Amino acid sequence: MPRLELPPEAEMSDAQKAACAEAVAGIRGRVPAPMVAWIQNPEFASRGQKLGELLRYQTTLEPRLSELAILVCGRHWTSHHEWTAHKREGLKAGMDPAVIAAIAARRSPVLGDAREQAVYDVSTTLLATGRVAPAVYERGVAALGQRGMVELVGILGYYCMVALTLNTFELGLPGSVAPELEDPDFA
């Protein structure tokens, strides 16, 4: 069960109400799950969800690439709610189900093109080591461009914050438990 709930509107401050209304009026059309926690600081909630809109919907990376990066991040942190939501979005964006299954199993997937491979390599390397080796960086820039690389790193950083928020406050659970991510130590 979640450790936090979105406060009833009658109990929200004006700033909390405004942050929620802004999210509902935005691209998503709803309050995203991490805002349930972020709303404790309405300015954080407002800025965080706006950054999420930008990074998810308004980069030069096509949706299948963004979703690939988000799934790598969700798997890295074993964030069930992030994984469940973005597995669905990845499939809608045209990701190969075999790629998603491989990521869930912590295996290297067979990817369709240089852009997907660059996203996967940069994402897994950065999340595993906190750095990107020169050869991986150069392949990333060649495939995605400098702007695409900056956007990819932004997506990863944002979705790390999302995953840590969702995991800490157990948001989206138990409804979003992804059996393919189950870890018996945390069951």
N, C-alpha and C. Protein backbone atom coordinates (compact mmCIF):
# COMPACT_ATOMS: atom_id res chain seq x y z
N MET A 1 0.84 -1.19 0.00
CA MET A 1 0.00 0.00 0.00
C MET A 1 0.88 1.25 0.00
N PRO A 2 0.44 2.28 -0.68
CA PRO A 2 1.23 3.52 -0.71
C PRO A 2 1.45 4.09 0.68
N ARG A 3 2.60 4.69 0.86
CA ARG A 3 2.91 5.35 2.13
C ARG A 3 2.33 6.76 2.21
N LEU A 4 1.99 7.31 1.06
CA LEU A 4 1.37 8.64 0.98
C LEU A 4 0.19 8.57 0.03
N GLU A 5 -0.78 9.39 0.27
CA GLU A 5 -1.94 9.54 -0.61
C GLU A 5 -2.02 11.00 -1.02
N LEU A 6 -2.60 11.25 -2.18
CA LEU A 6 -2.86 12.63 -2.57
C LEU A 6 -3.89 13.19 -1.62
N PRO A 7 -3.61 14.32 -0.98
CA PRO A 7 -4.59 14.86 -0.03
C PRO A 7 -5.91 15.19 -0.74
N PRO A 8 -7.02 15.04 -0.04
CA PRO A 8 -8.29 15.47 -0.63
C PRO A 8 -8.21 16.96 -0.97
N GLU A 9 -8.86 17.36 -2.03
CA GLU A 9 -8.78 18.76 -2.48
C GLU A 9 -9.15 19.73 -1.37
N ALA A 10 -10.12 19.38 -0.54
CA ALA A 10 -10.56 20.26 0.55
C ALA A 10 -9.46 20.50 1.57
N GLU A 11 -8.50 19.60 1.65
CA GLU A 11 -7.40 19.73 2.61
C GLU A 11 -6.14 20.33 1.99
N MET A 12 -6.14 20.58 0.70
CA MET A 12 -4.95 21.12 0.02
C MET A 12 -4.86 22.62 0.20
N SER A 13 -3.62 23.09 0.23
CA SER A 13 -3.39 24.54 0.21
C SER A 13 -3.69 25.04 -1.21
N ASP A 14 -3.80 26.35 -1.35
CA ASP A 14 -4.04 26.93 -2.67
C ASP A 14 -2.90 26.56 -3.62
N ALA A 15 -1.67 26.55 -3.13
CA ALA A 15 -0.52 26.21 -3.97
C ALA A 15 -0.58 24.75 -4.42
N GLN A 16 -1.01 23.86 -3.53
CA GLN A 16 -1.14 22.44 -3.90
C GLN A 16 -2.24 22.27 -4.95
N LYS A 17 -3.36 22.95 -4.77
CA LYS A 17 -4.45 22.88 -5.74
C LYS A 17 -3.99 23.40 -7.10
N ALA A 18 -3.23 24.50 -7.09
CA ALA A 18 -2.75 25.07 -8.35
C ALA A 18 -1.79 24.11 -9.05
N ALA A 19 -0.91 23.47 -8.31
CA ALA A 19 0.04 22.52 -8.91
C ALA A 19 -0.70 21.35 -9.54
N CYS A 20 -1.70 20.84 -8.85
CA CYS A 20 -2.49 19.72 -9.39
C CYS A 20 -3.28 20.16 -10.62
N ALA A 21 -3.89 21.32 -10.56
CA ALA A 21 -4.66 21.83 -11.70
C ALA A 21 -3.76 22.02 -12.92
N GLU A 22 -2.55 22.50 -12.68
CA GLU A 22 -1.60 22.70 -13.78
C GLU A 22 -1.25 21.37 -14.43
N ALA A 23 -1.05 20.33 -13.64
CA ALA A 23 -0.73 19.00 -14.19
C ALA A 23 -1.90 18.46 -15.00
N VAL A 24 -3.11 18.60 -14.47
CA VAL A 24 -4.30 18.11 -15.16
C VAL A 24 -4.51 18.85 -16.48
N ALA A 25 -4.19 20.13 -16.51
CA ALA A 25 -4.35 20.93 -17.73
C ALA A 25 -3.22 20.68 -18.74
N GLY A 26 -2.18 19.99 -18.34
CA GLY A 26 -1.03 19.77 -19.22
C GLY A 26 -1.20 18.58 -20.16
N ILE A 27 -0.11 18.18 -20.76
CA ILE A 27 -0.09 17.12 -21.76
C ILE A 27 -0.65 15.81 -21.22
N ARG A 28 -0.33 15.48 -19.98
CA ARG A 28 -0.77 14.20 -19.40
C ARG A 28 -2.27 14.16 -19.14
N GLY A 29 -2.83 15.30 -18.74
CA GLY A 29 -4.24 15.35 -18.43
C GLY A 29 -4.60 14.79 -17.06
N ARG A 30 -3.60 14.59 -16.23
CA ARG A 30 -3.82 14.01 -14.90
C ARG A 30 -2.63 14.35 -14.01
N VAL A 31 -2.78 14.07 -12.72
CA VAL A 31 -1.68 14.23 -11.77
C VAL A 31 -0.82 12.97 -11.88
N PRO A 32 0.47 13.09 -12.26
CA PRO A 32 1.31 11.90 -12.36
C PRO A 32 1.63 11.34 -10.97
N ALA A 33 1.88 10.04 -10.93
CA ALA A 33 2.07 9.34 -9.65
C ALA A 33 3.09 9.99 -8.71
N PRO A 34 4.28 10.40 -9.18
CA PRO A 34 5.24 10.95 -8.21
C PRO A 34 4.78 12.25 -7.55
N MET A 35 3.82 12.94 -8.20
CA MET A 35 3.30 14.17 -7.59
C MET A 35 2.57 13.91 -6.29
N VAL A 36 2.12 12.68 -6.08
CA VAL A 36 1.48 12.34 -4.82
C VAL A 36 2.42 12.66 -3.66
N ALA A 37 3.71 12.39 -3.86
CA ALA A 37 4.72 12.74 -2.85
C ALA A 37 5.17 14.19 -3.01
N TRP A 38 5.46 14.57 -4.23
CA TRP A 38 6.01 15.91 -4.46
C TRP A 38 5.08 17.02 -4.00
N ILE A 39 3.79 16.77 -3.94
CA ILE A 39 2.83 17.80 -3.58
C ILE A 39 3.05 18.31 -2.16
N GLN A 40 3.83 17.58 -1.36
CA GLN A 40 4.19 18.07 -0.03
C GLN A 40 4.92 19.41 -0.14
N ASN A 41 5.60 19.61 -1.28
CA ASN A 41 6.23 20.89 -1.61
C ASN A 41 5.63 21.30 -2.96
N PRO A 42 4.62 22.13 -2.98
CA PRO A 42 3.91 22.43 -4.22
C PRO A 42 4.80 22.98 -5.34
N GLU A 43 5.81 23.74 -4.99
CA GLU A 43 6.71 24.27 -6.02
C GLU A 43 7.50 23.13 -6.66
N PHE A 44 7.97 22.19 -5.85
CA PHE A 44 8.65 21.01 -6.36
C PHE A 44 7.70 20.24 -7.28
N ALA A 45 6.46 20.04 -6.85
CA ALA A 45 5.49 19.32 -7.66
C ALA A 45 5.27 20.00 -9.00
N SER A 46 5.11 21.30 -8.99
CA SER A 46 4.87 22.05 -10.21
C SER A 46 6.07 21.98 -11.16
N ARG A 47 7.23 22.26 -10.64
CA ARG A 47 8.42 22.25 -11.50
C ARG A 47 8.77 20.85 -11.95
N GLY A 48 8.61 19.88 -11.07
CA GLY A 48 8.94 18.49 -11.41
C GLY A 48 8.06 17.95 -12.52
N GLN A 49 6.76 18.19 -12.43
CA GLN A 49 5.87 17.66 -13.46
C GLN A 49 6.09 18.39 -14.79
N LYS A 50 6.42 19.68 -14.75
CA LYS A 50 6.71 20.41 -16.00
C LYS A 50 7.97 19.86 -16.66
N LEU A 51 9.00 19.59 -15.85
CA LEU A 51 10.23 19.00 -16.39
C LEU A 51 9.91 17.63 -17.01
N GLY A 52 9.08 16.86 -16.32
CA GLY A 52 8.69 15.56 -16.86
C GLY A 52 7.97 15.67 -18.20
N GLU A 53 7.07 16.64 -18.33
CA GLU A 53 6.39 16.86 -19.62
C GLU A 53 7.40 17.15 -20.71
N LEU A 54 8.32 18.05 -20.43
CA LEU A 54 9.33 18.40 -21.42
C LEU A 54 10.14 17.18 -21.84
N LEU A 55 10.66 16.46 -20.85
CA LEU A 55 11.56 15.35 -21.16
C LEU A 55 10.84 14.16 -21.78
N ARG A 56 9.61 13.96 -21.46
CA ARG A 56 8.88 12.81 -22.01
C ARG A 56 8.28 13.11 -23.37
N TYR A 57 7.83 14.32 -23.59
CA TYR A 57 7.05 14.61 -24.80
C TYR A 57 7.68 15.62 -25.77
N GLN A 58 8.71 16.33 -25.36
CA GLN A 58 9.17 17.44 -26.18
C GLN A 58 10.68 17.44 -26.40
N THR A 59 11.25 16.27 -26.69
CA THR A 59 12.66 16.19 -27.01
C THR A 59 12.81 15.77 -28.47
N THR A 60 14.03 15.74 -28.95
CA THR A 60 14.30 15.28 -30.31
C THR A 60 14.31 13.76 -30.39
N LEU A 61 14.23 13.07 -29.26
CA LEU A 61 14.21 11.61 -29.26
C LEU A 61 12.77 11.13 -29.49
N GLU A 62 12.61 10.28 -30.47
CA GLU A 62 11.26 9.75 -30.72
C GLU A 62 10.81 8.91 -29.53
N PRO A 63 9.49 8.76 -29.36
CA PRO A 63 8.96 8.08 -28.18
C PRO A 63 9.56 6.70 -27.91
N ARG A 64 9.82 5.90 -28.92
CA ARG A 64 10.38 4.56 -28.65
C ARG A 64 11.75 4.67 -28.00
N LEU A 65 12.52 5.72 -28.31
CA LEU A 65 13.83 5.89 -27.70
C LEU A 65 13.70 6.40 -26.27
N SER A 66 12.81 7.34 -26.05
CA SER A 66 12.57 7.83 -24.69
C SER A 66 12.09 6.70 -23.81
N GLU A 67 11.15 5.91 -24.31
CA GLU A 67 10.60 4.81 -23.52
C GLU A 67 11.66 3.74 -23.26
N LEU A 68 12.55 3.51 -24.21
CA LEU A 68 13.66 2.57 -24.00
C LEU A 68 14.51 3.04 -22.82
N ALA A 69 14.87 4.31 -22.81
CA ALA A 69 15.68 4.86 -21.72
C ALA A 69 14.94 4.76 -20.39
N ILE A 70 13.65 5.07 -20.39
CA ILE A 70 12.86 5.03 -19.16
C ILE A 70 12.76 3.60 -18.64
N LEU A 71 12.58 2.64 -19.54
CA LEU A 71 12.51 1.24 -19.10
C LEU A 71 13.85 0.76 -18.54
N VAL A 72 14.95 1.16 -19.16
CA VAL A 72 16.27 0.81 -18.61
C VAL A 72 16.40 1.38 -17.20
N CYS A 73 15.96 2.61 -17.02
CA CYS A 73 16.02 3.25 -15.71
C CYS A 73 15.08 2.56 -14.72
N GLY A 74 13.87 2.29 -15.15
CA GLY A 74 12.91 1.61 -14.28
C GLY A 74 13.40 0.24 -13.85
N ARG A 75 14.08 -0.46 -14.76
CA ARG A 75 14.62 -1.77 -14.40
C ARG A 75 15.81 -1.63 -13.47
N HIS A 76 16.65 -0.63 -13.73
CA HIS A 76 17.81 -0.40 -12.88
C HIS A 76 17.39 -0.24 -11.42
N TRP A 77 16.32 0.53 -11.20
CA TRP A 77 15.84 0.80 -9.85
C TRP A 77 14.75 -0.17 -9.40
N THR A 78 14.39 -1.13 -10.26
CA THR A 78 13.29 -2.05 -9.98
C THR A 78 12.08 -1.26 -9.47
N SER A 79 11.69 -0.28 -10.26
CA SER A 79 10.55 0.57 -9.93
C SER A 79 9.33 0.01 -10.65
N HIS A 80 8.51 -0.72 -9.91
CA HIS A 80 7.37 -1.42 -10.49
C HIS A 80 6.39 -0.49 -11.20
N HIS A 81 6.02 0.60 -10.56
CA HIS A 81 5.03 1.50 -11.18
C HIS A 81 5.62 2.14 -12.43
N GLU A 82 6.86 2.60 -12.37
CA GLU A 82 7.50 3.19 -13.54
C GLU A 82 7.57 2.15 -14.66
N TRP A 83 7.98 0.93 -14.34
CA TRP A 83 8.09 -0.14 -15.32
C TRP A 83 6.73 -0.43 -15.97
N THR A 84 5.71 -0.61 -15.15
CA THR A 84 4.39 -0.97 -15.66
C THR A 84 3.85 0.10 -16.59
N ALA A 85 3.94 1.35 -16.18
CA ALA A 85 3.44 2.45 -17.01
C ALA A 85 4.22 2.57 -18.32
N HIS A 86 5.53 2.45 -18.25
CA HIS A 86 6.34 2.69 -19.44
C HIS A 86 6.51 1.46 -20.32
N LYS A 87 6.27 0.29 -19.79
CA LYS A 87 6.17 -0.90 -20.63
C LYS A 87 4.99 -0.72 -21.59
N ARG A 88 3.86 -0.30 -21.03
CA ARG A 88 2.66 -0.04 -21.84
C ARG A 88 2.95 1.05 -22.89
N GLU A 89 3.60 2.14 -22.46
CA GLU A 89 3.90 3.24 -23.38
C GLU A 89 4.93 2.81 -24.43
N GLY A 90 5.91 2.01 -24.02
CA GLY A 90 6.91 1.51 -24.97
C GLY A 90 6.29 0.66 -26.05
N LEU A 91 5.38 -0.22 -25.68
CA LEU A 91 4.68 -1.04 -26.67
C LEU A 91 3.87 -0.16 -27.62
N LYS A 92 3.19 0.85 -27.07
CA LYS A 92 2.43 1.79 -27.92
C LYS A 92 3.35 2.52 -28.90
N ALA A 93 4.58 2.80 -28.45
CA ALA A 93 5.54 3.54 -29.28
C ALA A 93 6.24 2.64 -30.30
N GLY A 94 5.93 1.34 -30.28
CA GLY A 94 6.49 0.44 -31.27
C GLY A 94 7.70 -0.36 -30.81
N MET A 95 7.99 -0.35 -29.50
CA MET A 95 9.11 -1.17 -29.03
C MET A 95 8.79 -2.64 -29.21
N ASP A 96 9.81 -3.40 -29.52
CA ASP A 96 9.71 -4.84 -29.68
C ASP A 96 9.50 -5.47 -28.30
N PRO A 97 8.46 -6.28 -28.11
CA PRO A 97 8.25 -6.93 -26.82
C PRO A 97 9.46 -7.76 -26.36
N ALA A 98 10.21 -8.31 -27.30
CA ALA A 98 11.41 -9.09 -26.93
C ALA A 98 12.47 -8.20 -26.30
N VAL A 99 12.56 -6.95 -26.73
CA VAL A 99 13.50 -5.99 -26.14
C VAL A 99 13.08 -5.71 -24.70
N ILE A 100 11.80 -5.48 -24.49
CA ILE A 100 11.29 -5.20 -23.15
C ILE A 100 11.53 -6.40 -22.23
N ALA A 101 11.27 -7.60 -22.73
CA ALA A 101 11.49 -8.81 -21.93
C ALA A 101 12.96 -8.98 -21.57
N ALA A 102 13.85 -8.70 -22.50
CA ALA A 102 15.29 -8.81 -22.22
C ALA A 102 15.71 -7.83 -21.14
N ILE A 103 15.23 -6.60 -21.22
CA ILE A 103 15.57 -5.60 -20.20
C ILE A 103 15.05 -6.05 -18.84
N ALA A 104 13.84 -6.56 -18.80
CA ALA A 104 13.27 -7.04 -17.53
C ALA A 104 14.14 -8.14 -16.93
N ALA A 105 14.68 -9.00 -17.79
CA ALA A 105 15.51 -10.13 -17.34
C ALA A 105 16.98 -9.73 -17.13
N ARG A 106 17.27 -8.44 -17.30
CA ARG A 106 18.64 -7.92 -17.17
C ARG A 106 19.59 -8.56 -18.18
N ARG A 107 19.06 -8.79 -19.38
CA ARG A 107 19.87 -9.28 -20.50
C ARG A 107 19.99 -8.17 -21.54
N SER A 108 21.07 -8.18 -22.29
CA SER A 108 21.21 -7.20 -23.38
C SER A 108 20.25 -7.56 -24.50
N PRO A 109 19.40 -6.63 -24.90
CA PRO A 109 18.45 -6.92 -25.97
C PRO A 109 19.10 -6.82 -27.35
N VAL A 110 18.47 -7.46 -28.32
CA VAL A 110 18.85 -7.28 -29.72
C VAL A 110 18.05 -6.08 -30.21
N LEU A 111 18.75 -5.03 -30.58
CA LEU A 111 18.10 -3.77 -30.94
C LEU A 111 18.12 -3.55 -32.45
N GLY A 112 17.16 -2.76 -32.93
CA GLY A 112 16.94 -2.62 -34.36
C GLY A 112 17.82 -1.64 -35.10
N ASP A 113 18.38 -0.65 -34.41
CA ASP A 113 19.18 0.33 -35.15
C ASP A 113 20.20 1.01 -34.22
N ALA A 114 21.03 1.84 -34.83
CA ALA A 114 22.12 2.50 -34.09
C ALA A 114 21.59 3.46 -33.02
N ARG A 115 20.45 4.09 -33.26
CA ARG A 115 19.90 5.02 -32.27
C ARG A 115 19.43 4.26 -31.03
N GLU A 116 18.73 3.16 -31.23
CA GLU A 116 18.32 2.34 -30.08
C GLU A 116 19.54 1.82 -29.32
N GLN A 117 20.54 1.35 -30.06
CA GLN A 117 21.74 0.81 -29.41
C GLN A 117 22.44 1.90 -28.61
N ALA A 118 22.51 3.10 -29.17
CA ALA A 118 23.16 4.21 -28.46
C ALA A 118 22.40 4.54 -27.17
N VAL A 119 21.07 4.61 -27.24
CA VAL A 119 20.28 4.90 -26.04
C VAL A 119 20.51 3.81 -24.99
N TYR A 120 20.47 2.57 -25.41
CA TYR A 120 20.66 1.47 -24.47
C TYR A 120 22.06 1.50 -23.86
N ASP A 121 23.08 1.66 -24.69
CA ASP A 121 24.46 1.63 -24.19
C ASP A 121 24.76 2.80 -23.26
N VAL A 122 24.35 4.01 -23.66
CA VAL A 122 24.58 5.17 -22.80
C VAL A 122 23.80 5.00 -21.49
N SER A 123 22.56 4.58 -21.58
CA SER A 123 21.71 4.44 -20.39
C SER A 123 22.27 3.41 -19.42
N THR A 124 22.59 2.22 -19.91
CA THR A 124 23.07 1.17 -19.01
C THR A 124 24.43 1.53 -18.43
N THR A 125 25.29 2.11 -19.24
CA THR A 125 26.62 2.49 -18.75
C THR A 125 26.54 3.59 -17.70
N LEU A 126 25.77 4.62 -18.00
CA LEU A 126 25.65 5.74 -17.07
C LEU A 126 25.01 5.30 -15.75
N LEU A 127 23.97 4.51 -15.83
CA LEU A 127 23.31 4.06 -14.60
C LEU A 127 24.20 3.12 -13.79
N ALA A 128 24.97 2.30 -14.47
CA ALA A 128 25.82 1.32 -13.76
C ALA A 128 27.06 1.95 -13.16
N THR A 129 27.61 2.97 -13.83
CA THR A 129 28.92 3.49 -13.41
C THR A 129 28.92 4.97 -13.04
N GLY A 130 27.87 5.68 -13.42
CA GLY A 130 27.86 7.12 -13.17
C GLY A 130 28.70 7.90 -14.17
N ARG A 131 29.18 7.22 -15.19
CA ARG A 131 30.03 7.84 -16.22
C ARG A 131 29.70 7.20 -17.57
N VAL A 132 30.20 7.82 -18.64
CA VAL A 132 30.07 7.26 -19.98
C VAL A 132 31.46 7.25 -20.61
N ALA A 133 31.93 6.07 -20.95
CA ALA A 133 33.26 5.91 -21.55
C ALA A 133 33.33 6.66 -22.88
N PRO A 134 34.52 7.12 -23.26
CA PRO A 134 34.65 7.89 -24.50
C PRO A 134 34.06 7.21 -25.74
N ALA A 135 34.28 5.93 -25.92
CA ALA A 135 33.76 5.24 -27.10
C ALA A 135 32.23 5.21 -27.10
N VAL A 136 31.62 4.97 -25.94
CA VAL A 136 30.16 4.95 -25.82
C VAL A 136 29.61 6.35 -26.07
N TYR A 137 30.29 7.35 -25.52
CA TYR A 137 29.87 8.74 -25.74
C TYR A 137 29.91 9.09 -27.22
N GLU A 138 31.00 8.77 -27.89
CA GLU A 138 31.13 9.10 -29.31
C GLU A 138 30.06 8.41 -30.15
N ARG A 139 29.76 7.15 -29.85
CA ARG A 139 28.69 6.45 -30.58
C ARG A 139 27.34 7.11 -30.29
N GLY A 140 27.15 7.55 -29.06
CA GLY A 140 25.92 8.24 -28.71
C GLY A 140 25.75 9.54 -29.47
N VAL A 141 26.80 10.33 -29.52
CA VAL A 141 26.73 11.60 -30.26
C VAL A 141 26.53 11.35 -31.75
N ALA A 142 27.21 10.34 -32.29
CA ALA A 142 27.05 10.02 -33.71
C ALA A 142 25.61 9.63 -34.04
N ALA A 143 24.97 8.90 -33.15
CA ALA A 143 23.62 8.42 -33.40
C ALA A 143 22.54 9.43 -33.03
N LEU A 144 22.76 10.19 -31.96
CA LEU A 144 21.71 11.05 -31.40
C LEU A 144 21.97 12.54 -31.54
N GLY A 145 23.23 12.91 -31.81
CA GLY A 145 23.62 14.32 -31.82
C GLY A 145 23.86 14.81 -30.39
N GLN A 146 24.49 15.97 -30.28
CA GLN A 146 24.76 16.52 -28.95
C GLN A 146 23.47 16.80 -28.19
N ARG A 147 22.50 17.41 -28.88
CA ARG A 147 21.23 17.72 -28.20
C ARG A 147 20.56 16.44 -27.72
N GLY A 148 20.53 15.42 -28.55
CA GLY A 148 19.92 14.15 -28.16
C GLY A 148 20.61 13.53 -26.96
N MET A 149 21.93 13.65 -26.91
CA MET A 149 22.66 13.13 -25.75
C MET A 149 22.29 13.89 -24.48
N VAL A 150 22.20 15.20 -24.57
CA VAL A 150 21.82 16.01 -23.41
C VAL A 150 20.40 15.63 -22.97
N GLU A 151 19.51 15.48 -23.93
CA GLU A 151 18.13 15.11 -23.59
C GLU A 151 18.08 13.71 -22.97
N LEU A 152 18.86 12.78 -23.49
CA LEU A 152 18.90 11.42 -22.93
C LEU A 152 19.36 11.44 -21.48
N VAL A 153 20.41 12.18 -21.20
CA VAL A 153 20.90 12.27 -19.82
C VAL A 153 19.83 12.92 -18.93
N GLY A 154 19.13 13.93 -19.45
CA GLY A 154 18.04 14.55 -18.70
C GLY A 154 16.92 13.56 -18.41
N ILE A 155 16.54 12.76 -19.40
CA ILE A 155 15.50 11.75 -19.20
C ILE A 155 15.93 10.77 -18.11
N LEU A 156 17.16 10.31 -18.18
CA LEU A 156 17.64 9.35 -17.18
C LEU A 156 17.65 9.97 -15.78
N GLY A 157 18.13 11.19 -15.67
CA GLY A 157 18.16 11.84 -14.36
C GLY A 157 16.76 12.04 -13.80
N TYR A 158 15.86 12.51 -14.64
CA TYR A 158 14.49 12.73 -14.19
C TYR A 158 13.84 11.43 -13.76
N TYR A 159 13.98 10.39 -14.58
CA TYR A 159 13.32 9.12 -14.24
C TYR A 159 14.01 8.38 -13.10
N CYS A 160 15.25 8.70 -12.80
CA CYS A 160 15.85 8.21 -11.55
C CYS A 160 15.12 8.84 -10.37
N MET A 161 14.90 10.15 -10.44
CA MET A 161 14.16 10.83 -9.37
C MET A 161 12.75 10.26 -9.24
N VAL A 162 12.10 10.01 -10.36
CA VAL A 162 10.75 9.42 -10.34
C VAL A 162 10.79 8.04 -9.69
N ALA A 163 11.73 7.20 -10.13
CA ALA A 163 11.82 5.83 -9.59
C ALA A 163 12.07 5.84 -8.10
N LEU A 164 12.98 6.70 -7.65
CA LEU A 164 13.29 6.76 -6.22
C LEU A 164 12.08 7.27 -5.42
N THR A 165 11.35 8.21 -5.99
CA THR A 165 10.13 8.70 -5.33
C THR A 165 9.10 7.58 -5.24
N LEU A 166 8.84 6.93 -6.36
CA LEU A 166 7.84 5.86 -6.38
C LEU A 166 8.23 4.73 -5.44
N ASN A 167 9.51 4.36 -5.43
CA ASN A 167 9.97 3.26 -4.57
C ASN A 167 9.90 3.63 -3.09
N THR A 168 10.36 4.82 -2.76
CA THR A 168 10.37 5.22 -1.35
C THR A 168 8.98 5.28 -0.75
N PHE A 169 8.05 5.86 -1.49
CA PHE A 169 6.71 6.07 -0.97
C PHE A 169 5.73 4.98 -1.43
N GLU A 170 6.27 3.95 -2.08
CA GLU A 170 5.50 2.79 -2.55
C GLU A 170 4.25 3.20 -3.30
N LEU A 171 4.44 4.18 -4.19
CA LEU A 171 3.32 4.71 -4.97
C LEU A 171 2.98 3.76 -6.12
N GLY A 172 1.72 3.64 -6.39
CA GLY A 172 1.25 2.77 -7.46
C GLY A 172 1.15 1.31 -7.07
N LEU A 173 1.47 1.01 -5.83
CA LEU A 173 1.43 -0.39 -5.38
C LEU A 173 0.18 -0.61 -4.54
N PRO A 174 -0.36 -1.78 -4.56
CA PRO A 174 0.09 -3.01 -5.19
C PRO A 174 -0.34 -3.17 -6.63
N GLY A 175 -1.15 -2.25 -7.15
CA GLY A 175 -1.71 -2.40 -8.49
C GLY A 175 -0.71 -2.49 -9.62
N SER A 176 0.47 -1.92 -9.47
CA SER A 176 1.44 -1.90 -10.55
C SER A 176 2.60 -2.87 -10.36
N VAL A 177 2.45 -3.85 -9.51
CA VAL A 177 3.53 -4.82 -9.34
C VAL A 177 3.74 -5.55 -10.66
N ALA A 178 4.97 -5.55 -11.13
CA ALA A 178 5.33 -6.21 -12.38
C ALA A 178 6.00 -7.54 -12.04
N PRO A 179 5.33 -8.65 -12.26
CA PRO A 179 5.90 -9.95 -11.88
C PRO A 179 7.29 -10.19 -12.47
N GLU A 180 7.54 -9.66 -13.67
CA GLU A 180 8.84 -9.87 -14.32
C GLU A 180 9.99 -9.16 -13.59
N LEU A 181 9.67 -8.27 -12.67
CA LEU A 181 10.70 -7.55 -11.91
C LEU A 181 10.82 -8.05 -10.47
N GLU A 182 10.00 -8.99 -10.08
CA GLU A 182 9.95 -9.43 -8.69
C GLU A 182 11.31 -9.84 -8.15
N ASP A 183 11.59 -9.36 -6.95
CA ASP A 183 12.81 -9.68 -6.21
C ASP A 183 12.35 -10.29 -4.89
N PRO A 184 12.67 -11.56 -4.65
CA PRO A 184 12.15 -12.21 -3.44
C PRO A 184 12.59 -11.53 -2.15
N ASP A 185 13.67 -10.76 -2.17
CA ASP A 185 14.13 -10.07 -0.96
C ASP A 185 13.19 -8.94 -0.54
N PHE A 186 12.37 -8.45 -1.48
CA PHE A 186 11.47 -7.33 -1.17
C PHE A 186 10.01 -7.70 -1.31
N ALA A 187 9.74 -8.96 -1.46
CA ALA A 187 8.34 -9.39 -1.65
C ALA A 187 7.57 -9.28 -0.36
